[in-house]
């Protein structure tokens, strides 16, 4: 996939993150793509929904899985503005999403609440494969 398409999908995720922040939630937006088209999206809704699991990635995965009536999202890519937490990363892996377009890293914000966590470390620890595309609109994210 071309850099311009990666940027296009991350632009949409950034727009969702801004909406989420304006609503009083964390600034995370996620977009799930297959064959160059958006299948679904999500944004952080933790505060407004009262659901601690309503992270942007989780909302996007739920929306797409419900829409497609399957939990197998093979062949898709998820773009997300912030490095997925362990819960979201595991959901990505469990849904068989093979590719992650990653905006900002937790370390860029000096988040130390997750120790030395990274999506690569979780994938390695679990023996799962996850292709990670880094640096997509990283500064804006």
C-alpha atoms as a PDB file:
ATOM      1  CA  UNK A   1       0.000   0.000   0.000  1.00  0.00           C
ATOM      2  CA  UNK A   2       1.297   3.457  -0.835  1.00  0.00           C
ATOM      3  CA  UNK A   3       2.365   6.036   1.721  1.00  0.00           C
ATOM      4  CA  UNK A   4      -0.439   8.326   0.553  1.00  0.00           C
ATOM      5  CA  UNK A   5      -3.049   5.654   1.378  1.00  0.00           C
ATOM      6  CA  UNK A   6      -1.470   5.057   4.805  1.00  0.00           C
ATOM      7  CA  UNK A   7      -1.661   8.810   5.410  1.00  0.00           C
ATOM      8  CA  UNK A   8      -5.257   8.955   4.188  1.00  0.00           C
ATOM      9  CA  UNK A   9      -6.422   6.267   6.611  1.00  0.00           C
ATOM     10  CA  UNK A  10      -4.446   7.761   9.496  1.00  0.00           C
ATOM     11  CA  UNK A  11      -5.970  11.172   8.702  1.00  0.00           C
ATOM     12  CA  UNK A  12      -9.391   9.621   9.304  1.00  0.00           C
ATOM     13  CA  UNK A  13      -8.169   8.076  12.571  1.00  0.00           C
ATOM     14  CA  UNK A  14      -6.814  11.486  13.639  1.00  0.00           C
ATOM     15  CA  UNK A  15     -10.175  13.110  12.928  1.00  0.00           C
ATOM     16  CA  UNK A  16     -11.865  10.485  15.125  1.00  0.00           C
ATOM     17  CA  UNK A  17      -9.279  11.093  17.867  1.00  0.00           C
ATOM     18  CA  UNK A  18     -10.063  14.821  17.811  1.00  0.00           C
ATOM     19  CA  UNK A  19     -13.800  14.112  18.135  1.00  0.00           C
ATOM     20  CA  UNK A  20     -13.085  11.756  21.018  1.00  0.00           C
ATOM     21  CA  UNK A  21     -10.980  14.369  22.801  1.00  0.00           C
ATOM     22  CA  UNK A  22     -13.668  17.027  22.270  1.00  0.00           C
ATOM     23  CA  UNK A  23     -16.159  14.649  23.909  1.00  0.00           C
ATOM     24  CA  UNK A  24     -13.954  14.275  26.996  1.00  0.00           C
ATOM     25  CA  UNK A  25     -12.435  10.912  26.105  1.00  0.00           C
ATOM     26  CA  UNK A  26      -8.859   9.898  25.390  1.00  0.00           C
ATOM     27  CA  UNK A  27      -7.583  10.969  21.965  1.00  0.00           C
ATOM     28  CA  UNK A  28      -7.601   7.645  20.143  1.00  0.00           C
ATOM     29  CA  UNK A  29      -9.171   6.972  16.781  1.00  0.00           C
ATOM     30  CA  UNK A  30      -8.988   3.726  14.819  1.00  0.00           C
ATOM     31  CA  UNK A  31      -9.911   2.709  11.290  1.00  0.00           C
ATOM     32  CA  UNK A  32     -10.100  -0.842   9.903  1.00  0.00           C
ATOM     33  CA  UNK A  33      -9.373  -1.197   6.194  1.00  0.00           C
ATOM     34  CA  UNK A  34      -9.489  -3.993   3.636  1.00  0.00           C
ATOM     35  CA  UNK A  35      -8.606  -3.794  -0.039  1.00  0.00           C
ATOM     36  CA  UNK A  36      -8.191  -0.026   0.126  1.00  0.00           C
ATOM     37  CA  UNK A  37     -11.589   0.759   1.656  1.00  0.00           C
ATOM     38  CA  UNK A  38     -12.688   1.517   5.194  1.00  0.00           C
ATOM     39  CA  UNK A  39     -14.776  -1.290   6.704  1.00  0.00           C
ATOM     40  CA  UNK A  40     -15.380   0.482   9.997  1.00  0.00           C
ATOM     41  CA  UNK A  41     -13.971   2.757  12.628  1.00  0.00           C
ATOM     42  CA  UNK A  42     -14.026   3.586  16.300  1.00  0.00           C
ATOM     43  CA  UNK A  43     -12.931   6.207  18.760  1.00  0.00           C
ATOM     44  CA  UNK A  44     -12.263   6.184  22.471  1.00  0.00           C
ATOM     45  CA  UNK A  45     -15.605   6.294  24.304  1.00  0.00           C
ATOM     46  CA  UNK A  46     -14.448   5.301  27.794  1.00  0.00           C
ATOM     47  CA  UNK A  47     -15.689   8.388  29.646  1.00  0.00           C
ATOM     48  CA  UNK A  48     -18.866   9.075  27.691  1.00  0.00           C
ATOM     49  CA  UNK A  49     -20.007   5.438  27.690  1.00  0.00           C
ATOM     50  CA  UNK A  50     -18.831   4.537  31.191  1.00  0.00           C
ATOM     51  CA  UNK A  51     -17.173   1.451  29.668  1.00  0.00           C
ATOM     52  CA  UNK A  52     -13.482   1.030  30.545  1.00  0.00           C
ATOM     53  CA  UNK A  53     -13.030  -1.306  27.572  1.00  0.00           C
ATOM     54  CA  UNK A  54     -14.346   1.202  24.993  1.00  0.00           C
ATOM     55  CA  UNK A  55     -10.914   2.042  23.597  1.00  0.00           C
ATOM     56  CA  UNK A  56     -10.787   3.206  19.985  1.00  0.00           C
ATOM     57  CA  UNK A  57      -9.400  -0.080  18.708  1.00  0.00           C
ATOM     58  CA  UNK A  58     -11.949  -2.147  20.634  1.00  0.00           C
ATOM     59  CA  UNK A  59     -14.844  -0.033  19.344  1.00  0.00           C
ATOM     60  CA  UNK A  60     -13.582  -0.348  15.759  1.00  0.00           C
ATOM     61  CA  UNK A  61     -13.149  -4.133  16.054  1.00  0.00           C
ATOM     62  CA  UNK A  62     -16.627  -4.523  17.587  1.00  0.00           C
ATOM     63  CA  UNK A  63     -18.182  -2.378  14.847  1.00  0.00           C
ATOM     64  CA  UNK A  64     -16.542  -4.291  12.000  1.00  0.00           C
ATOM     65  CA  UNK A  65     -17.088  -7.749  13.520  1.00  0.00           C
ATOM     66  CA  UNK A  66     -20.764  -6.938  14.101  1.00  0.00           C
ATOM     67  CA  UNK A  67     -21.187  -5.489  10.607  1.00  0.00           C
ATOM     68  CA  UNK A  68     -19.509  -8.457   8.903  1.00  0.00           C
ATOM     69  CA  UNK A  69     -21.032 -10.987  11.343  1.00  0.00           C
ATOM     70  CA  UNK A  70     -17.631 -12.579  11.954  1.00  0.00           C
ATOM     71  CA  UNK A  71     -14.837 -12.384  14.484  1.00  0.00           C
ATOM     72  CA  UNK A  72     -12.262 -13.256  11.809  1.00  0.00           C
ATOM     73  CA  UNK A  73     -10.936 -10.029  10.350  1.00  0.00           C
ATOM     74  CA  UNK A  74      -8.163 -11.670   8.324  1.00  0.00           C
ATOM     75  CA  UNK A  75      -6.793  -9.558   5.500  1.00  0.00           C
ATOM     76  CA  UNK A  76      -7.537  -6.237   7.183  1.00  0.00           C
ATOM     77  CA  UNK A  77      -5.329  -3.471   8.508  1.00  0.00           C
ATOM     78  CA  UNK A  78      -6.114  -1.410  11.585  1.00  0.00           C
ATOM     79  CA  UNK A  79      -4.791   2.147  11.747  1.00  0.00           C
ATOM     80  CA  UNK A  80      -4.711   3.681  15.192  1.00  0.00           C
ATOM     81  CA  UNK A  81      -3.435   6.998  16.479  1.00  0.00           C
ATOM     82  CA  UNK A  82      -1.888   5.569  19.652  1.00  0.00           C
ATOM     83  CA  UNK A  83      -0.017   2.358  20.321  1.00  0.00           C
ATOM     84  CA  UNK A  84      -2.654  -0.166  21.367  1.00  0.00           C
ATOM     85  CA  UNK A  85      -2.635  -1.159  25.038  1.00  0.00           C
ATOM     86  CA  UNK A  86      -2.256  -4.877  25.861  1.00  0.00           C
ATOM     87  CA  UNK A  87      -6.053  -5.392  25.856  1.00  0.00           C
ATOM     88  CA  UNK A  88      -6.447  -3.805  22.426  1.00  0.00           C
ATOM     89  CA  UNK A  89      -3.358  -5.485  21.010  1.00  0.00           C
ATOM     90  CA  UNK A  90      -4.657  -8.883  22.112  1.00  0.00           C
ATOM     91  CA  UNK A  91      -8.042  -8.113  20.520  1.00  0.00           C
ATOM     92  CA  UNK A  92      -6.262  -7.196  17.268  1.00  0.00           C
ATOM     93  CA  UNK A  93      -4.322 -10.471  17.334  1.00  0.00           C
ATOM     94  CA  UNK A  94      -7.381 -12.544  18.321  1.00  0.00           C
ATOM     95  CA  UNK A  95      -9.437 -11.016  15.497  1.00  0.00           C
ATOM     96  CA  UNK A  96      -6.695 -12.147  13.079  1.00  0.00           C
ATOM     97  CA  UNK A  97      -5.949  -8.595  11.957  1.00  0.00           C
ATOM     98  CA  UNK A  98      -2.503  -9.129  10.443  1.00  0.00           C
ATOM     99  CA  UNK A  99      -1.356  -5.512  10.047  1.00  0.00           C
ATOM    100  CA  UNK A 100      -1.249  -2.537  12.408  1.00  0.00           C
ATOM    101  CA  UNK A 101      -0.668   1.011  11.160  1.00  0.00           C
ATOM    102  CA  UNK A 102       0.719   2.732  14.228  1.00  0.00           C
ATOM    103  CA  UNK A 103       0.722   6.450  14.970  1.00  0.00           C
ATOM    104  CA  UNK A 104       2.296   7.489  18.281  1.00  0.00           C
ATOM    105  CA  UNK A 105       4.028   5.252  20.816  1.00  0.00           C
ATOM    106  CA  UNK A 106       3.389   5.301  24.561  1.00  0.00           C
ATOM    107  CA  UNK A 107       7.078   6.079  25.085  1.00  0.00           C
ATOM    108  CA  UNK A 108       6.720   9.291  23.044  1.00  0.00           C
ATOM    109  CA  UNK A 109       4.406  10.587  25.771  1.00  0.00           C
ATOM    110  CA  UNK A 110       6.667   9.254  28.505  1.00  0.00           C
ATOM    111  CA  UNK A 111       3.867   6.933  29.669  1.00  0.00           C
ATOM    112  CA  UNK A 112       5.433   4.618  32.188  1.00  0.00           C
ATOM    113  CA  UNK A 113       2.213   2.998  33.400  1.00  0.00           C
ATOM    114  CA  UNK A 114       2.814   0.101  31.000  1.00  0.00           C
ATOM    115  CA  UNK A 115       6.468  -0.431  31.922  1.00  0.00           C
ATOM    116  CA  UNK A 116       8.469  -1.544  28.908  1.00  0.00           C
ATOM    117  CA  UNK A 117       5.388  -2.737  26.997  1.00  0.00           C
ATOM    118  CA  UNK A 118       5.242  -2.541  23.224  1.00  0.00           C
ATOM    119  CA  UNK A 119       3.020  -4.216  20.656  1.00  0.00           C
ATOM    120  CA  UNK A 120       6.103  -6.030  19.376  1.00  0.00           C
ATOM    121  CA  UNK A 121       6.819  -7.400  22.865  1.00  0.00           C
ATOM    122  CA  UNK A 122       3.257  -8.701  23.276  1.00  0.00           C
ATOM    123  CA  UNK A 123       3.271 -10.338  19.839  1.00  0.00           C
ATOM    124  CA  UNK A 124       6.628 -11.960  20.577  1.00  0.00           C
ATOM    125  CA  UNK A 125       5.560 -13.087  24.059  1.00  0.00           C
ATOM    126  CA  UNK A 126       2.461 -14.791  22.633  1.00  0.00           C
ATOM    127  CA  UNK A 127       4.182 -16.233  19.574  1.00  0.00           C
ATOM    128  CA  UNK A 128       1.779 -14.386  17.273  1.00  0.00           C
ATOM    129  CA  UNK A 129       2.663 -12.518  14.111  1.00  0.00           C
ATOM    130  CA  UNK A 130       1.697  -8.910  13.636  1.00  0.00           C
ATOM    131  CA  UNK A 131       3.068  -6.738  10.849  1.00  0.00           C
ATOM    132  CA  UNK A 132       3.555  -3.229  12.207  1.00  0.00           C
ATOM    133  CA  UNK A 133       3.773  -0.137  10.042  1.00  0.00           C
ATOM    134  CA  UNK A 134       5.332   2.607  12.140  1.00  0.00           C
ATOM    135  CA  UNK A 135       5.698   6.324  11.651  1.00  0.00           C
ATOM    136  CA  UNK A 136       2.344   6.923   9.960  1.00  0.00           C
ATOM    137  CA  UNK A 137       1.562  10.558  10.819  1.00  0.00           C
ATOM    138  CA  UNK A 138       3.469   9.959  14.054  1.00  0.00           C
ATOM    139  CA  UNK A 139       4.031  13.616  14.859  1.00  0.00           C
ATOM    140  CA  UNK A 140       0.361  14.540  14.409  1.00  0.00           C
ATOM    141  CA  UNK A 141      -0.739  11.523  16.426  1.00  0.00           C
END
